[in-house]
All heavy atoms as atom14 arrays in JSON, in Angstrom:
{
  "sequence": "GAIKLLINHTGGYIYGVSETLFYVLYYMMTINLVLMIFNLLPVPPLDG",
  "atom14_mask": [
    [1, 1, 1, 1, 0, 0, 0, 0, 0, 0, 0, 0, 0, 0],
    [1, 1, 1, 1, 1, 0, 0, 0, 0, 0, 0, 0, 0, 0],
    [1, 1, 1, 1, 1, 1, 1, 1, 0, 0, 0, 0, 0, 0],
    [1, 1, 1, 1, 1, 1, 1, 1, 1, 0, 0, 0, 0, 0],
    [1, 1, 1, 1, 1, 1, 1, 1, 0, 0, 0, 0, 0, 0],
    [1, 1, 1, 1, 1, 1, 1, 1, 0, 0, 0, 0, 0, 0],
    [1, 1, 1, 1, 1, 1, 1, 1, 0, 0, 0, 0, 0, 0],
    [1, 1, 1, 1, 1, 1, 1, 1, 0, 0, 0, 0, 0, 0],
    [1, 1, 1, 1, 1, 1, 1, 1, 1, 1, 0, 0, 0, 0],
    [1, 1, 1, 1, 1, 1, 1, 0, 0, 0, 0, 0, 0, 0],
    [1, 1, 1, 1, 0, 0, 0, 0, 0, 0, 0, 0, 0, 0],
    [1, 1, 1, 1, 0, 0, 0, 0, 0, 0, 0, 0, 0, 0],
    [1, 1, 1, 1, 1, 1, 1, 1, 1, 1, 1, 1, 0, 0],
    [1, 1, 1, 1, 1, 1, 1, 1, 0, 0, 0, 0, 0, 0],
    [1, 1, 1, 1, 1, 1, 1, 1, 1, 1, 1, 1, 0, 0],
    [1, 1, 1, 1, 0, 0, 0, 0, 0, 0, 0, 0, 0, 0],
    [1, 1, 1, 1, 1, 1, 1, 0, 0, 0, 0, 0, 0, 0],
    [1, 1, 1, 1, 1, 1, 0, 0, 0, 0, 0, 0, 0, 0],
    [1, 1, 1, 1, 1, 1, 1, 1, 1, 0, 0, 0, 0, 0],
    [1, 1, 1, 1, 1, 1, 1, 0, 0, 0, 0, 0, 0, 0],
    [1, 1, 1, 1, 1, 1, 1, 1, 0, 0, 0, 0, 0, 0],
    [1, 1, 1, 1, 1, 1, 1, 1, 1, 1, 1, 0, 0, 0],
    [1, 1, 1, 1, 1, 1, 1, 1, 1, 1, 1, 1, 0, 0],
    [1, 1, 1, 1, 1, 1, 1, 0, 0, 0, 0, 0, 0, 0],
    [1, 1, 1, 1, 1, 1, 1, 1, 0, 0, 0, 0, 0, 0],
    [1, 1, 1, 1, 1, 1, 1, 1, 1, 1, 1, 1, 0, 0],
    [1, 1, 1, 1, 1, 1, 1, 1, 1, 1, 1, 1, 0, 0],
    [1, 1, 1, 1, 1, 1, 1, 1, 0, 0, 0, 0, 0, 0],
    [1, 1, 1, 1, 1, 1, 1, 1, 0, 0, 0, 0, 0, 0],
    [1, 1, 1, 1, 1, 1, 1, 0, 0, 0, 0, 0, 0, 0],
    [1, 1, 1, 1, 1, 1, 1, 1, 0, 0, 0, 0, 0, 0],
    [1, 1, 1, 1, 1, 1, 1, 1, 0, 0, 0, 0, 0, 0],
    [1, 1, 1, 1, 1, 1, 1, 1, 0, 0, 0, 0, 0, 0],
    [1, 1, 1, 1, 1, 1, 1, 0, 0, 0, 0, 0, 0, 0],
    [1, 1, 1, 1, 1, 1, 1, 1, 0, 0, 0, 0, 0, 0],
    [1, 1, 1, 1, 1, 1, 1, 1, 0, 0, 0, 0, 0, 0],
    [1, 1, 1, 1, 1, 1, 1, 1, 0, 0, 0, 0, 0, 0],
    [1, 1, 1, 1, 1, 1, 1, 1, 1, 1, 1, 0, 0, 0],
    [1, 1, 1, 1, 1, 1, 1, 1, 0, 0, 0, 0, 0, 0],
    [1, 1, 1, 1, 1, 1, 1, 1, 0, 0, 0, 0, 0, 0],
    [1, 1, 1, 1, 1, 1, 1, 1, 0, 0, 0, 0, 0, 0],
    [1, 1, 1, 1, 1, 1, 1, 0, 0, 0, 0, 0, 0, 0],
    [1, 1, 1, 1, 1, 1, 1, 0, 0, 0, 0, 0, 0, 0],
    [1, 1, 1, 1, 1, 1, 1, 0, 0, 0, 0, 0, 0, 0],
    [1, 1, 1, 1, 1, 1, 1, 0, 0, 0, 0, 0, 0, 0],
    [1, 1, 1, 1, 1, 1, 1, 1, 0, 0, 0, 0, 0, 0],
    [1, 1, 1, 1, 1, 1, 1, 1, 0, 0, 0, 0, 0, 0],
    [1, 1, 1, 1, 0, 0, 0, 0, 0, 0, 0, 0, 0, 0]
  ],
  "atom14_positions": [
    [[-119.12, -191.42, 29.32], [-119.8, -190.4, 29.83], [-120.38, -189.53, 28.55], [-121.56, -189.12, 28.37], [0.0, 0.0, 0.0], [0.0, 0.0, 0.0], [0.0, 0.0, 0.0], [0.0, 0.0, 0.0], [0.0, 0.0, 0.0], [0.0, 0.0, 0.0], [0.0, 0.0, 0.0], [0.0, 0.0, 0.0], [0.0, 0.0, 0.0], [0.0, 0.0, 0.0]],
    [[-119.47, -189.27, 27.76], [-119.76, -188.4, 26.49], [-120.73, -189.1, 25.57], [-121.57, -188.54, 25.02], [-118.38, -188.01, 25.84], [0.0, 0.0, 0.0], [0.0, 0.0, 0.0], [0.0, 0.0, 0.0], [0.0, 0.0, 0.0], [0.0, 0.0, 0.0], [0.0, 0.0, 0.0], [0.0, 0.0, 0.0], [0.0, 0.0, 0.0], [0.0, 0.0, 0.0]],
    [[-120.62, -190.39, 25.5], [-121.4, -191.09, 24.63], [-122.89, -191.18, 25.22], [-123.82, -190.87, 24.43], [-120.95, -192.8, 24.52], [-119.73, -192.66, 23.82], [-122.12, -193.45, 23.93], [-119.01, -194.13, 23.71], [0.0, 0.0, 0.0], [0.0, 0.0, 0.0], [0.0, 0.0, 0.0], [0.0, 0.0, 0.0], [0.0, 0.0, 0.0], [0.0, 0.0, 0.0]],
    [[-123.08, -191.23, 26.46], [-124.43, -191.21, 27.16], [-124.96, -189.79, 26.92], [-126.15, -189.64, 26.53], [-124.18, -191.45, 28.54], [-123.81, -192.82, 28.93], [-123.7, -193.02, 30.39], [-123.34, -194.47, 30.79], [-123.31, -194.58, 32.21], [0.0, 0.0, 0.0], [0.0, 0.0, 0.0], [0.0, 0.0, 0.0], [0.0, 0.0, 0.0], [0.0, 0.0, 0.0]],
    [[-124.07, -188.69, 27.03], [-124.63, -187.4, 26.78], [-125.09, -187.13, 25.4], [-126.17, -186.56, 25.2], [-123.58, -186.36, 27.21], [-123.24, -186.27, 28.7], [-122.07, -185.32, 28.9], [-124.42, -185.67, 29.47], [0.0, 0.0, 0.0], [0.0, 0.0, 0.0], [0.0, 0.0, 0.0], [0.0, 0.0, 0.0], [0.0, 0.0, 0.0], [0.0, 0.0, 0.0]],
    [[-124.27, -187.74, 24.48], [-124.63, -187.49, 23.08], [-125.9, -188.35, 22.73], [-126.85, -187.72, 22.11], [-123.52, -188.23, 22.23], [-123.72, -188.15, 20.71], [-123.81, -186.69, 20.19], [-122.56, -188.86, 19.92], [0.0, 0.0, 0.0], [0.0, 0.0, 0.0], [0.0, 0.0, 0.0], [0.0, 0.0, 0.0], [0.0, 0.0, 0.0], [0.0, 0.0, 0.0]],
    [[-126.16, -189.56, 23.22], [-127.34, -190.2, 23.03], [-128.56, -189.57, 23.58], [-129.56, -189.44, 22.93], [-127.22, -191.63, 23.63], [-126.27, -192.33, 22.68], [-128.51, -192.32, 23.53], [-125.76, -193.73, 23.28], [0.0, 0.0, 0.0], [0.0, 0.0, 0.0], [0.0, 0.0, 0.0], [0.0, 0.0, 0.0], [0.0, 0.0, 0.0], [0.0, 0.0, 0.0]],
    [[-128.31, -188.92, 24.73], [-129.55, -188.35, 25.37], [-129.76, -187.02, 24.65], [-131.03, -186.66, 24.55], [-129.15, -187.99, 26.88], [-129.06, -189.09, 27.8], [-129.68, -190.2, 27.48], [-128.36, -189.08, 28.85], [0.0, 0.0, 0.0], [0.0, 0.0, 0.0], [0.0, 0.0, 0.0], [0.0, 0.0, 0.0], [0.0, 0.0, 0.0], [0.0, 0.0, 0.0]],
    [[-128.83, -186.36, 24.15], [-129.05, -185.02, 23.47], [-129.72, -185.3, 22.26], [-130.56, -184.54, 21.79], [-127.68, -184.4, 23.33], [-127.71, -183.05, 22.5], [-128.27, -182.05, 23.11], [-127.41, -182.8, 21.24], [-128.26, -180.96, 22.18], [-127.75, -181.45, 21.0], [0.0, 0.0, 0.0], [0.0, 0.0, 0.0], [0.0, 0.0, 0.0], [0.0, 0.0, 0.0]],
    [[-129.29, -186.25, 21.44], [-129.97, -186.6, 20.15], [-131.12, -187.57, 20.21], [-131.91, -187.7, 19.08], [-128.89, -187.31, 19.31], [-128.63, -188.64, 19.89], [-127.67, -186.44, 18.95], [0.0, 0.0, 0.0], [0.0, 0.0, 0.0], [0.0, 0.0, 0.0], [0.0, 0.0, 0.0], [0.0, 0.0, 0.0], [0.0, 0.0, 0.0], [0.0, 0.0, 0.0]],
    [[-131.58, -187.97, 21.49], [-132.61, -188.76, 21.64], [-132.51, -190.22, 20.96], [-133.45, -190.85, 20.67], [0.0, 0.0, 0.0], [0.0, 0.0, 0.0], [0.0, 0.0, 0.0], [0.0, 0.0, 0.0], [0.0, 0.0, 0.0], [0.0, 0.0, 0.0], [0.0, 0.0, 0.0], [0.0, 0.0, 0.0], [0.0, 0.0, 0.0], [0.0, 0.0, 0.0]],
    [[-131.26, -190.51, 20.72], [-130.89, -191.89, 20.23], [-130.9, -191.78, 18.66], [-130.59, -192.79, 18.05], [0.0, 0.0, 0.0], [0.0, 0.0, 0.0], [0.0, 0.0, 0.0], [0.0, 0.0, 0.0], [0.0, 0.0, 0.0], [0.0, 0.0, 0.0], [0.0, 0.0, 0.0], [0.0, 0.0, 0.0], [0.0, 0.0, 0.0], [0.0, 0.0, 0.0]],
    [[-131.2, -190.72, 18.02], [-131.21, -190.58, 16.57], [-129.78, -190.07, 16.25], [-129.66, -188.89, 16.05], [-132.3, -189.72, 16.16], [-133.69, -190.31, 16.39], [-134.35, -189.92, 17.4], [-134.26, -191.37, 15.58], [-135.72, -190.51, 17.61], [-135.52, -191.91, 15.74], [-136.16, -191.45, 16.84], [-137.39, -191.94, 17.03], [0.0, 0.0, 0.0], [0.0, 0.0, 0.0]],
    [[-128.9, -191.05, 15.86], [-127.48, -190.55, 15.73], [-127.3, -190.74, 14.11], [-127.36, -191.82, 13.63], [-126.49, -191.49, 16.39], [-126.74, -191.26, 18.05], [-125.08, -191.16, 16.09], [-125.9, -192.12, 18.79], [0.0, 0.0, 0.0], [0.0, 0.0, 0.0], [0.0, 0.0, 0.0], [0.0, 0.0, 0.0], [0.0, 0.0, 0.0], [0.0, 0.0, 0.0]],
    [[-126.92, -189.6, 13.5], [-126.59, -189.66, 12.06], [-125.72, -188.39, 11.72], [-125.61, -187.56, 12.45], [-127.87, -189.68, 11.18], [-128.77, -188.48, 11.5], [-128.55, -187.27, 10.71], [-129.76, -188.47, 12.52], [-129.41, -186.22, 10.98], [-130.53, -187.4, 12.78], [-130.42, -186.15, 11.97], [-131.12, -185.22, 12.25], [0.0, 0.0, 0.0], [0.0, 0.0, 0.0]],
    [[-125.06, -188.49, 10.67], [-124.25, -187.4, 10.14], [-123.07, -187.16, 11.2], [-122.41, -188.05, 11.49], [0.0, 0.0, 0.0], [0.0, 0.0, 0.0], [0.0, 0.0, 0.0], [0.0, 0.0, 0.0], [0.0, 0.0, 0.0], [0.0, 0.0, 0.0], [0.0, 0.0, 0.0], [0.0, 0.0, 0.0], [0.0, 0.0, 0.0], [0.0, 0.0, 0.0]],
    [[-122.93, -185.92, 11.59], [-121.86, -185.5, 12.42], [-121.92, -186.23, 13.83], [-120.93, -186.69, 14.32], [-121.86, -184.0, 12.72], [-120.78, -183.56, 13.69], [-121.59, -183.26, 11.33], [0.0, 0.0, 0.0], [0.0, 0.0, 0.0], [0.0, 0.0, 0.0], [0.0, 0.0, 0.0], [0.0, 0.0, 0.0], [0.0, 0.0, 0.0], [0.0, 0.0, 0.0]],
    [[-123.0, -186.32, 14.33], [-123.33, -187.07, 15.6], [-122.8, -188.52, 15.6], [-122.36, -189.1, 16.54], [-124.71, -186.87, 16.04], [-125.64, -187.47, 15.18], [0.0, 0.0, 0.0], [0.0, 0.0, 0.0], [0.0, 0.0, 0.0], [0.0, 0.0, 0.0], [0.0, 0.0, 0.0], [0.0, 0.0, 0.0], [0.0, 0.0, 0.0], [0.0, 0.0, 0.0]],
    [[-123.11, -189.1, 14.37], [-122.64, -190.52, 14.21], [-121.25, -190.63, 14.16], [-120.7, -191.55, 14.77], [-123.3, -191.08, 12.79], [-122.89, -192.52, 12.54], [-123.51, -193.07, 11.28], [-123.9, -192.26, 10.44], [-123.48, -194.38, 11.13], [0.0, 0.0, 0.0], [0.0, 0.0, 0.0], [0.0, 0.0, 0.0], [0.0, 0.0, 0.0], [0.0, 0.0, 0.0]],
    [[-120.61, -189.72, 13.43], [-119.11, -189.78, 13.32], [-118.47, -189.55, 14.91], [-117.61, -190.19, 15.36], [-118.55, -188.69, 12.52], [-119.11, -188.83, 11.22], [-117.0, -188.57, 12.53], [0.0, 0.0, 0.0], [0.0, 0.0, 0.0], [0.0, 0.0, 0.0], [0.0, 0.0, 0.0], [0.0, 0.0, 0.0], [0.0, 0.0, 0.0], [0.0, 0.0, 0.0]],
    [[-119.11, -188.59, 15.52], [-118.66, -188.43, 16.99], [-118.92, -189.57, 17.73], [-118.01, -189.92, 18.61], [-119.38, -187.15, 17.42], [-118.99, -186.71, 18.86], [-117.52, -186.31, 19.08], [-119.79, -185.42, 19.27], [0.0, 0.0, 0.0], [0.0, 0.0, 0.0], [0.0, 0.0, 0.0], [0.0, 0.0, 0.0], [0.0, 0.0, 0.0], [0.0, 0.0, 0.0]],
    [[-120.0, -190.11, 17.59], [-120.37, -191.44, 18.37], [-119.2, -192.38, 18.27], [-118.78, -193.04, 19.16], [-121.65, -191.91, 18.02], [-121.93, -193.24, 18.66], [-122.39, -193.46, 19.86], [-121.62, -194.42, 17.95], [-122.7, -194.69, 20.51], [-121.9, -195.76, 18.49], [-122.42, -195.83, 19.75], [0.0, 0.0, 0.0], [0.0, 0.0, 0.0], [0.0, 0.0, 0.0]],
    [[-118.78, -192.7, 16.97], [-117.81, -193.66, 16.68], [-116.48, -193.32, 17.14], [-115.76, -194.22, 17.67], [-117.82, -194.06, 15.2], [-118.87, -195.04, 14.87], [-119.95, -194.59, 14.0], [-118.87, -196.3, 15.35], [-121.03, -195.48, 13.72], [-119.94, -197.13, 14.95], [-121.02, -196.75, 14.18], [-122.07, -197.54, 13.89], [0.0, 0.0, 0.0], [0.0, 0.0, 0.0]],
    [[-116.08, -191.94, 17.07], [-114.86, -191.53, 17.64], [-114.76, -191.8, 19.04], [-113.86, -192.28, 19.68], [-114.48, -190.07, 17.35], [-113.45, -189.42, 18.11], [-114.43, -189.87, 15.9], [0.0, 0.0, 0.0], [0.0, 0.0, 0.0], [0.0, 0.0, 0.0], [0.0, 0.0, 0.0], [0.0, 0.0, 0.0], [0.0, 0.0, 0.0], [0.0, 0.0, 0.0]],
    [[-115.81, -191.49, 19.86], [-116.02, -191.63, 21.3], [-115.91, -193.12, 21.74], [-115.34, -193.56, 22.59], [-117.24, -191.0, 21.86], [-117.27, -189.36, 21.73], [-118.49, -189.0, 22.15], [-116.11, -188.79, 22.76], [0.0, 0.0, 0.0], [0.0, 0.0, 0.0], [0.0, 0.0, 0.0], [0.0, 0.0, 0.0], [0.0, 0.0, 0.0], [0.0, 0.0, 0.0]],
    [[-116.73, -193.89, 20.87], [-116.76, -195.27, 21.17], [-115.39, -196.01, 21.0], [-114.96, -196.74, 21.98], [-117.78, -196.05, 20.29], [-117.88, -197.54, 20.48], [-118.89, -197.87, 21.59], [-117.33, -198.45, 19.93], [-119.0, -199.15, 21.94], [-117.43, -199.86, 20.14], [-118.25, -200.16, 21.32], [-118.46, -201.51, 21.45], [0.0, 0.0, 0.0], [0.0, 0.0, 0.0]],
    [[-114.71, -195.66, 20.03], [-113.33, -196.27, 19.79], [-112.39, -195.69, 20.85], [-111.45, -196.36, 21.22], [-112.74, -195.84, 18.39], [-113.35, -196.63, 17.2], [-113.91, -196.15, 16.16], [-113.56, -197.99, 17.37], [-114.45, -196.85, 15.06], [-114.16, -198.85, 16.45], [-114.61, -198.2, 15.29], [-115.22, -198.95, 14.23], [0.0, 0.0, 0.0], [0.0, 0.0, 0.0]],
    [[-112.55, -194.36, 21.22], [-111.74, -193.84, 22.31], [-111.72, -194.61, 23.61], [-110.92, -194.99, 24.32], [-112.19, -192.32, 22.56], [-111.48, -191.66, 23.6], [-110.0, -190.67, 22.91], [-110.82, -189.42, 21.95], [0.0, 0.0, 0.0], [0.0, 0.0, 0.0], [0.0, 0.0, 0.0], [0.0, 0.0, 0.0], [0.0, 0.0, 0.0], [0.0, 0.0, 0.0]],
    [[-113.09, -194.9, 23.93], [-113.36, -195.9, 25.08], [-112.83, -197.18, 24.98], [-112.08, -197.65, 25.85], [-114.84, -195.9, 25.37], [-115.21, -196.84, 26.41], [-117.08, -197.1, 26.63], [-117.39, -197.93, 24.97], [0.0, 0.0, 0.0], [0.0, 0.0, 0.0], [0.0, 0.0, 0.0], [0.0, 0.0, 0.0], [0.0, 0.0, 0.0], [0.0, 0.0, 0.0]],
    [[-112.99, -197.9, 23.8], [-112.6, -199.29, 23.65], [-111.1, -199.39, 23.65], [-110.51, -200.29, 24.26], [-113.2, -199.71, 22.28], [-114.56, -199.75, 22.34], [-112.9, -201.22, 22.12], [0.0, 0.0, 0.0], [0.0, 0.0, 0.0], [0.0, 0.0, 0.0], [0.0, 0.0, 0.0], [0.0, 0.0, 0.0], [0.0, 0.0, 0.0], [0.0, 0.0, 0.0]],
    [[-110.41, -198.38, 22.9], [-108.94, -198.45, 22.68], [-108.34, -198.26, 24.1], [-107.34, -198.93, 24.43], [-108.52, -197.45, 21.6], [-108.85, -197.92, 20.27], [-107.02, -197.26, 21.75], [-108.76, -196.84, 19.17], [0.0, 0.0, 0.0], [0.0, 0.0, 0.0], [0.0, 0.0, 0.0], [0.0, 0.0, 0.0], [0.0, 0.0, 0.0], [0.0, 0.0, 0.0]],
    [[-108.75, -197.32, 24.84], [-108.22, -197.16, 26.06], [-108.54, -198.32, 27.05], [-107.56, -198.54, 28.04], [-108.64, -195.77, 26.75], [-107.93, -194.62, 26.28], [-106.81, -194.31, 26.89], [-108.4, -193.99, 25.19], [0.0, 0.0, 0.0], [0.0, 0.0, 0.0], [0.0, 0.0, 0.0], [0.0, 0.0, 0.0], [0.0, 0.0, 0.0], [0.0, 0.0, 0.0]],
    [[-109.54, -198.95, 27.06], [-109.78, -200.27, 27.7], [-108.77, -201.31, 27.29], [-108.2, -202.04, 28.18], [-111.21, -200.65, 27.54], [-112.19, -199.83, 28.29], [-113.7, -200.39, 28.01], [-112.13, -199.78, 29.76], [0.0, 0.0, 0.0], [0.0, 0.0, 0.0], [0.0, 0.0, 0.0], [0.0, 0.0, 0.0], [0.0, 0.0, 0.0], [0.0, 0.0, 0.0]],
    [[-108.54, -201.44, 26.1], [-107.58, -202.34, 25.45], [-106.13, -202.04, 26.08], [-105.47, -202.95, 26.53], [-107.52, -202.39, 23.97], [-106.32, -203.22, 23.36], [-108.67, -202.96, 23.43], [0.0, 0.0, 0.0], [0.0, 0.0, 0.0], [0.0, 0.0, 0.0], [0.0, 0.0, 0.0], [0.0, 0.0, 0.0], [0.0, 0.0, 0.0], [0.0, 0.0, 0.0]],
    [[-105.83, -200.78, 26.09], [-104.52, -200.26, 26.53], [-104.42, -200.75, 28.05], [-103.29, -201.21, 28.6], [-104.26, -198.86, 26.36], [-103.89, -198.46, 25.0], [-103.86, -196.88, 24.79], [-102.49, -199.12, 24.41], [0.0, 0.0, 0.0], [0.0, 0.0, 0.0], [0.0, 0.0, 0.0], [0.0, 0.0, 0.0], [0.0, 0.0, 0.0], [0.0, 0.0, 0.0]],
    [[-105.47, -200.42, 28.8], [-105.48, -200.57, 30.28], [-105.16, -202.17, 30.53], [-104.26, -202.56, 31.26], [-106.79, -200.11, 30.82], [-106.97, -200.5, 32.23], [-108.48, -199.99, 32.96], [-109.55, -201.41, 32.33], [0.0, 0.0, 0.0], [0.0, 0.0, 0.0], [0.0, 0.0, 0.0], [0.0, 0.0, 0.0], [0.0, 0.0, 0.0], [0.0, 0.0, 0.0]],
    [[-106.06, -202.96, 29.85], [-106.05, -204.33, 30.27], [-104.79, -204.98, 29.62], [-104.16, -205.89, 30.37], [-107.31, -205.06, 29.57], [-108.58, -204.61, 30.35], [-107.17, -206.64, 29.78], [-109.83, -204.93, 29.51], [0.0, 0.0, 0.0], [0.0, 0.0, 0.0], [0.0, 0.0, 0.0], [0.0, 0.0, 0.0], [0.0, 0.0, 0.0], [0.0, 0.0, 0.0]],
    [[-104.37, -204.72, 28.42], [-103.22, -205.27, 27.78], [-101.85, -204.97, 28.65], [-101.08, -205.83, 29.07], [-102.97, -204.7, 26.41], [-101.73, -205.26, 25.78], [-101.64, -206.58, 25.25], [-100.61, -204.46, 25.61], [-100.55, -207.03, 24.6], [-99.47, -204.97, 24.93], [-99.47, -206.26, 24.42], [0.0, 0.0, 0.0], [0.0, 0.0, 0.0], [0.0, 0.0, 0.0]],
    [[-101.79, -203.73, 29.2], [-100.66, -203.28, 30.03], [-100.65, -203.85, 31.32], [-99.68, -203.87, 32.08], [-100.58, -201.71, 30.06], [-99.93, -201.23, 28.76], [-98.7, -201.31, 28.68], [-100.66, -200.62, 27.84], [0.0, 0.0, 0.0], [0.0, 0.0, 0.0], [0.0, 0.0, 0.0], [0.0, 0.0, 0.0], [0.0, 0.0, 0.0], [0.0, 0.0, 0.0]],
    [[-101.91, -204.38, 31.75], [-101.99, -204.99, 33.22], [-101.48, -206.5, 33.14], [-101.46, -207.11, 34.22], [-103.42, -204.86, 33.78], [-103.74, -203.43, 34.3], [-105.13, -203.48, 34.79], [-102.88, -203.12, 35.54], [0.0, 0.0, 0.0], [0.0, 0.0, 0.0], [0.0, 0.0, 0.0], [0.0, 0.0, 0.0], [0.0, 0.0, 0.0], [0.0, 0.0, 0.0]],
    [[-101.29, -207.01, 32.03], [-100.9, -208.34, 31.96], [-99.43, -208.57, 32.53], [-98.7, -207.73, 32.37], [-100.69, -208.86, 30.4], [-102.0, -208.83, 29.62], [-101.67, -209.31, 28.16], [-102.96, -209.77, 30.33], [0.0, 0.0, 0.0], [0.0, 0.0, 0.0], [0.0, 0.0, 0.0], [0.0, 0.0, 0.0], [0.0, 0.0, 0.0], [0.0, 0.0, 0.0]],
    [[-99.27, -209.47, 33.47], [-98.02, -209.61, 34.22], [-96.89, -210.25, 33.33], [-96.34, -211.19, 33.85], [-98.5, -210.5, 35.43], [-99.56, -211.33, 34.82], [-100.34, -210.5, 33.73], [0.0, 0.0, 0.0], [0.0, 0.0, 0.0], [0.0, 0.0, 0.0], [0.0, 0.0, 0.0], [0.0, 0.0, 0.0], [0.0, 0.0, 0.0], [0.0, 0.0, 0.0]],
    [[-96.61, -209.61, 32.39], [-95.47, -210.1, 31.46], [-94.68, -208.88, 31.26], [-95.14, -207.88, 30.91], [-96.17, -210.53, 30.12], [-95.06, -211.09, 29.15], [-97.23, -211.75, 30.29], [0.0, 0.0, 0.0], [0.0, 0.0, 0.0], [0.0, 0.0, 0.0], [0.0, 0.0, 0.0], [0.0, 0.0, 0.0], [0.0, 0.0, 0.0], [0.0, 0.0, 0.0]],
    [[-93.28, -209.09, 31.33], [-92.46, -207.88, 31.07], [-92.46, -207.67, 29.52], [-92.55, -208.7, 28.75], [-91.04, -208.41, 31.5], [-91.2, -209.95, 31.58], [-92.64, -210.12, 31.84], [0.0, 0.0, 0.0], [0.0, 0.0, 0.0], [0.0, 0.0, 0.0], [0.0, 0.0, 0.0], [0.0, 0.0, 0.0], [0.0, 0.0, 0.0], [0.0, 0.0, 0.0]],
    [[-92.29, -206.38, 29.05], [-92.04, -205.21, 29.86], [-93.31, -204.43, 30.21], [-93.16, -203.25, 30.4], [-91.21, -204.38, 28.92], [-91.75, -204.72, 27.62], [-92.24, -206.08, 27.56], [0.0, 0.0, 0.0], [0.0, 0.0, 0.0], [0.0, 0.0, 0.0], [0.0, 0.0, 0.0], [0.0, 0.0, 0.0], [0.0, 0.0, 0.0], [0.0, 0.0, 0.0]],
    [[-94.56, -205.11, 30.39], [-95.72, -204.41, 30.53], [-95.81, -204.07, 32.04], [-95.23, -204.54, 32.87], [-96.88, -205.32, 30.25], [-96.94, -205.75, 28.74], [-98.18, -206.71, 28.43], [-96.92, -204.67, 27.77], [0.0, 0.0, 0.0], [0.0, 0.0, 0.0], [0.0, 0.0, 0.0], [0.0, 0.0, 0.0], [0.0, 0.0, 0.0], [0.0, 0.0, 0.0]],
    [[-96.65, -202.86, 32.19], [-96.79, -202.41, 33.69], [-97.35, -203.44, 34.66], [-96.96, -203.38, 35.85], [-97.86, -201.29, 33.57], [-97.46, -200.17, 32.58], [-96.26, -199.8, 32.59], [-98.45, -199.48, 32.12], [0.0, 0.0, 0.0], [0.0, 0.0, 0.0], [0.0, 0.0, 0.0], [0.0, 0.0, 0.0], [0.0, 0.0, 0.0], [0.0, 0.0, 0.0]],
    [[-98.05, -204.42, 34.2], [-98.51, -205.43, 35.15], [-97.53, -206.21, 35.79], [-97.53, -206.6, 37.0], [0.0, 0.0, 0.0], [0.0, 0.0, 0.0], [0.0, 0.0, 0.0], [0.0, 0.0, 0.0], [0.0, 0.0, 0.0], [0.0, 0.0, 0.0], [0.0, 0.0, 0.0], [0.0, 0.0, 0.0], [0.0, 0.0, 0.0], [0.0, 0.0, 0.0]]
  ]
}
């Protein structure tokens, strides 16, 4: 959601500070998806 707001706010022209923020948010999203899916694997000691 924050990525969408950032893109809308900048009109899609991401550079400088906004570019750094974009990648931090993108990695935040991706890493949490990795954690979610990895931990759902039905293998001990994972949550799945």
